Amino acid sequence: MIGFLVFGLVVGALARLIKPGHQALGIVGTLVLGVVGSLIGGIVASALGTGDIFELNILGAVVAIIAAVLLIGVVEGVMGKQKAVR
């Protein structure tokens, strides 16, 4: 479980480095996005037959980082809409 959280934090941090611009996310937001991205990566890797959902593999890691980058975009879009409404 600790390893999964650490990997999620690494995935979230890499996604924030890849995504251009400033993201208004703290360490907890980065961790949550990384963990969700890791879960998505594990599900995709498992569906493709490269390993178990909680097993660390290259395909799962790549998909996790891509999913986390996309999730950052979604969070920015939702936060931007909330700021525009106020």
Protein backbone atom coordinates (compact mmCIF):
# COMPACT_ATOMS: atom_id res chain seq x y z
CA MET A 1 0.00 0.00 0.00
CA ILE A 2 2.83 2.42 0.85
CA GLY A 3 4.54 1.57 -2.43
CA PHE A 4 1.33 2.29 -4.33
CA LEU A 5 1.05 5.72 -2.68
CA VAL A 6 4.71 6.52 -3.38
CA PHE A 7 4.30 5.46 -7.01
CA GLY A 8 1.14 7.57 -7.23
CA LEU A 9 3.05 10.59 -5.94
CA VAL A 10 5.81 9.99 -8.49
CA VAL A 11 3.26 9.63 -11.30
CA GLY A 12 1.49 12.81 -10.20
CA ALA A 13 4.76 14.73 -10.02
CA LEU A 14 5.84 13.53 -13.47
CA ALA A 15 2.44 14.45 -14.89
CA ARG A 16 2.75 17.96 -13.45
CA LEU A 17 6.22 18.30 -14.99
CA ILE A 18 4.93 17.15 -18.39
CA LYS A 19 1.80 19.36 -18.38
CA PRO A 20 2.80 22.91 -19.35
CA GLY A 21 1.74 25.88 -17.26
CA HIS A 22 1.08 26.37 -13.59
CA GLN A 23 -1.28 23.97 -11.83
CA ALA A 24 -2.98 25.10 -8.63
CA LEU A 25 -2.48 21.73 -6.95
CA GLY A 26 -0.82 20.96 -3.65
CA ILE A 27 0.95 17.77 -2.71
CA VAL A 28 -2.33 16.08 -1.74
CA GLY A 29 -3.89 16.95 -5.11
CA THR A 30 -0.79 15.65 -6.87
CA LEU A 31 -0.97 12.44 -4.84
CA VAL A 32 -4.67 11.92 -5.58
CA LEU A 33 -4.22 12.52 -9.33
CA GLY A 34 -1.22 10.20 -9.37
CA VAL A 35 -3.05 7.43 -7.54
CA VAL A 36 -6.09 7.72 -9.82
CA GLY A 37 -3.78 7.74 -12.85
CA SER A 38 -2.00 4.67 -11.47
CA LEU A 39 -5.30 2.87 -11.04
CA ILE A 40 -6.27 3.69 -14.62
CA GLY A 41 -2.85 2.53 -15.84
CA GLY A 42 -3.17 -0.71 -13.90
CA ILE A 43 -6.64 -1.37 -15.27
CA VAL A 44 -5.49 -0.77 -18.86
CA ALA A 45 -2.38 -2.93 -18.41
CA SER A 46 -4.47 -5.68 -16.83
CA ALA A 47 -7.00 -5.51 -19.68
CA LEU A 48 -4.17 -5.87 -22.19
CA GLY A 49 -2.86 -8.91 -20.31
CA THR A 50 0.52 -7.48 -19.29
CA GLY A 51 0.02 -8.03 -15.57
CA ASP A 52 -2.16 -7.58 -12.54
CA ILE A 53 -3.83 -4.24 -11.72
CA PHE A 54 -1.48 -3.60 -8.78
CA GLU A 55 1.63 -4.99 -10.48
CA LEU A 56 4.27 -2.48 -11.55
CA ASN A 57 5.11 -2.74 -15.25
CA ILE A 58 6.25 -0.40 -17.99
CA LEU A 59 2.97 -0.24 -19.93
CA GLY A 60 0.99 0.45 -16.77
CA ALA A 61 3.41 3.19 -15.74
CA VAL A 62 3.26 4.91 -19.14
CA VAL A 63 -0.54 4.75 -19.22
CA ALA A 64 -0.66 5.98 -15.60
CA ILE A 65 1.40 9.07 -16.46
CA ILE A 66 -0.69 9.80 -19.56
CA ALA A 67 -3.91 9.39 -17.56
CA ALA A 68 -2.60 11.69 -14.82
CA VAL A 69 -1.71 14.38 -17.39
CA LEU A 70 -5.21 14.14 -18.82
CA LEU A 71 -6.71 14.27 -15.32
CA ILE A 72 -4.78 17.46 -14.59
CA GLY A 73 -6.38 18.99 -17.67
CA VAL A 74 -9.82 17.90 -16.47
CA VAL A 75 -9.23 19.34 -12.99
CA GLU A 76 -7.98 22.61 -14.46
CA GLY A 77 -11.06 22.81 -16.68
CA VAL A 78 -13.44 22.17 -13.79
CA MET A 79 -11.63 24.65 -11.53
CA GLY A 80 -11.60 27.24 -14.30
CA LYS A 81 -15.35 26.93 -14.77
CA GLN A 82 -15.92 27.29 -11.04
CA LYS A 83 -13.84 30.49 -10.96
CA ALA A 84 -15.73 31.88 -13.97
CA VAL A 85 -19.10 31.32 -12.27
CA ARG A 86 -18.11 33.30 -9.18
